[in-house]
Amino acid sequence: MLENYVPVLIHLLIACGFAGATLLLSVLLGKSGARNPVKDSAYECGMLPVGESQPRFSVKFYLVAMLFVIFDIEVVFLYPWAVVFRDFINDGAHIIFWSMLSFVGILFIAYIYVLRKGALDWKN
C-alpha cells in the first residue's frame, strides 16, 4: 500500500527541488540594484501615494447593489419554475401558474415602491 505513494513523494521532491534551485540561481546570478527611497516606496507606477487608500462610496451605491441582488434572485426562482411548468401543463398547471404570478406581482409591487422612494435616482 505504501508503494502507491512513492510517485507522489517523487513528484513533491522534484517540485520542491525545482523551486529551491530557481530561487538559489536568481540570488547567485541576479543583479542587486542600488536601494534608494524612491525605489523602496510602496508604489512604482508613477503616482505618488497621497490620500486615502480606499475612496468612500455613497450609500446609494450599496442600496442599488442590494436591490440588484434581490431582483436578480427572482430570475433564479423563475428558471426552475419554468422547467417544472412544462411538465405540469397536462396535470393542472393553473395552480403553479397563479402561484408564480403572485410571486412576480409581489416583486413588481416592491419595484414600484423602490422607484417611488427614489432609491434608483442617481442625481441625489
Protein backbone atom coordinates (compact mmCIF):
# COMPACT_ATOMS: atom_id res chain seq x y z
CA MET A 1 0.00 0.00 0.00
CA LEU A 2 2.85 2.37 0.78
CA GLU A 3 4.38 1.91 -2.69
CA ASN A 4 1.35 3.72 -4.18
CA TYR A 5 2.58 6.96 -2.57
CA VAL A 6 6.11 6.75 -3.98
CA PRO A 7 5.26 8.59 -7.24
CA VAL A 8 3.57 11.36 -5.27
CA LEU A 9 6.61 11.68 -3.00
CA ILE A 10 8.96 11.78 -6.01
CA HIS A 11 6.78 14.47 -7.63
CA LEU A 12 6.82 16.51 -4.41
CA LEU A 13 10.62 16.23 -4.12
CA ILE A 14 11.10 17.29 -7.75
CA ALA A 15 8.76 20.29 -7.31
CA CYS A 16 10.49 21.45 -4.11
CA GLY A 17 13.91 20.90 -5.67
CA PHE A 18 12.98 22.94 -8.74
CA ALA A 19 11.61 25.80 -6.61
CA GLY A 20 14.71 25.84 -4.42
CA ALA A 21 17.08 25.67 -7.41
CA THR A 22 15.41 28.58 -9.22
CA LEU A 23 15.47 30.72 -6.07
CA LEU A 24 19.13 29.93 -5.48
CA LEU A 25 20.04 30.67 -9.11
CA SER A 26 18.21 34.02 -9.02
CA VAL A 27 20.16 35.04 -5.92
CA LEU A 28 23.50 33.93 -7.35
CA LEU A 29 23.10 35.19 -10.91
CA GLY A 30 20.77 38.14 -10.44
CA LYS A 31 21.87 41.76 -10.28
CA SER A 32 21.45 43.52 -6.99
CA GLY A 33 20.14 47.02 -7.61
CA ALA A 34 21.11 50.04 -5.55
CA ARG A 35 18.47 50.80 -2.95
CA ASN A 36 17.02 54.28 -2.62
CA PRO A 37 13.87 55.74 -1.02
CA VAL A 38 12.07 56.14 -4.34
CA LYS A 39 12.70 52.50 -5.25
CA ASP A 40 11.60 51.32 -1.79
CA SER A 41 8.31 53.27 -1.83
CA ALA A 42 5.06 51.32 -1.90
CA TYR A 43 4.08 52.41 -5.43
CA GLU A 44 6.26 52.38 -8.52
CA CYS A 45 3.58 53.23 -11.08
CA GLY A 46 4.36 56.92 -11.36
CA MET A 47 1.69 58.15 -8.97
CA LEU A 48 2.52 59.45 -5.54
CA PRO A 49 0.83 57.56 -2.68
CA VAL A 50 -1.16 60.52 -1.36
CA GLY A 51 -4.65 60.48 0.12
CA GLU A 52 -6.89 57.75 1.43
CA SER A 53 -6.28 54.23 0.29
CA GLN A 54 -9.96 53.49 -0.36
CA PRO A 55 -12.44 56.04 -1.74
CA ARG A 56 -15.71 56.42 0.13
CA PHE A 57 -18.76 55.19 -1.71
CA SER A 58 -22.19 56.68 -1.33
CA VAL A 59 -24.88 54.73 0.47
CA LYS A 60 -26.82 54.82 -2.81
CA PHE A 61 -24.20 52.53 -4.34
CA TYR A 62 -24.78 49.85 -1.72
CA LEU A 63 -28.55 50.30 -1.87
CA VAL A 64 -28.61 49.77 -5.63
CA ALA A 65 -26.28 46.78 -5.27
CA MET A 66 -28.60 45.16 -2.72
CA LEU A 67 -31.64 45.87 -4.88
CA PHE A 68 -29.87 44.28 -7.84
CA VAL A 69 -29.15 41.16 -5.81
CA ILE A 70 -32.75 40.94 -4.60
CA PHE A 71 -34.25 41.32 -8.06
CA ASP A 72 -31.63 39.03 -9.56
CA ILE A 73 -32.70 36.24 -7.22
CA GLU A 74 -36.11 36.47 -8.87
CA VAL A 75 -34.59 35.05 -12.03
CA VAL A 76 -33.06 32.22 -10.03
CA PHE A 77 -36.55 31.25 -8.85
CA LEU A 78 -38.16 31.69 -12.26
CA TYR A 79 -35.91 29.25 -14.12
CA PRO A 80 -36.75 26.07 -12.14
CA TRP A 81 -40.42 27.08 -12.20
CA ALA A 82 -40.32 27.28 -16.00
CA VAL A 83 -38.76 23.83 -16.22
CA VAL A 84 -41.37 22.29 -13.90
CA PHE A 85 -44.25 24.18 -15.51
CA ARG A 86 -43.72 22.36 -18.80
CA ASP A 87 -44.20 19.02 -17.03
CA PHE A 88 -47.39 20.16 -15.26
CA ILE A 89 -49.25 21.56 -18.27
CA ASN A 90 -51.48 18.49 -18.58
CA ASP A 91 -51.95 17.98 -14.81
CA GLY A 92 -53.44 21.36 -13.98
CA ALA A 93 -50.75 23.97 -14.34
CA HIS A 94 -53.08 26.75 -13.22
CA ILE A 95 -52.04 26.31 -9.55
CA ILE A 96 -48.36 26.65 -10.39
CA PHE A 97 -49.04 29.49 -12.81
CA TRP A 98 -51.02 31.58 -10.30
CA SER A 99 -48.50 31.00 -7.52
CA MET A 100 -45.67 32.25 -9.71
CA LEU A 101 -47.78 35.12 -10.97
CA SER A 102 -48.39 36.19 -7.36
CA PHE A 103 -44.63 35.95 -6.69
CA VAL A 104 -43.82 38.15 -9.68
CA GLY A 105 -46.65 40.51 -8.70
CA ILE A 106 -45.22 40.99 -5.21
CA LEU A 107 -41.80 41.69 -6.70
CA PHE A 108 -43.34 44.16 -9.15
CA ILE A 109 -45.04 45.99 -6.30
CA ALA A 110 -41.68 46.09 -4.49
CA TYR A 111 -40.05 47.51 -7.62
CA ILE A 112 -42.70 50.23 -7.91
CA TYR A 113 -42.18 51.03 -4.21
CA VAL A 114 -38.41 51.37 -4.75
CA LEU A 115 -38.98 53.66 -7.73
CA ARG A 116 -41.40 55.88 -5.79
CA LYS A 117 -38.97 56.16 -2.87
CA GLY A 118 -36.24 57.33 -5.27
CA ALA A 119 -33.79 54.58 -4.42
CA LEU A 120 -32.72 54.31 -8.05
CA ASP A 121 -32.33 58.06 -8.57
CA TRP A 122 -28.61 58.80 -9.02
CA LYS A 123 -28.91 62.58 -9.08
CA ASN A 124 -29.20 63.00 -5.30
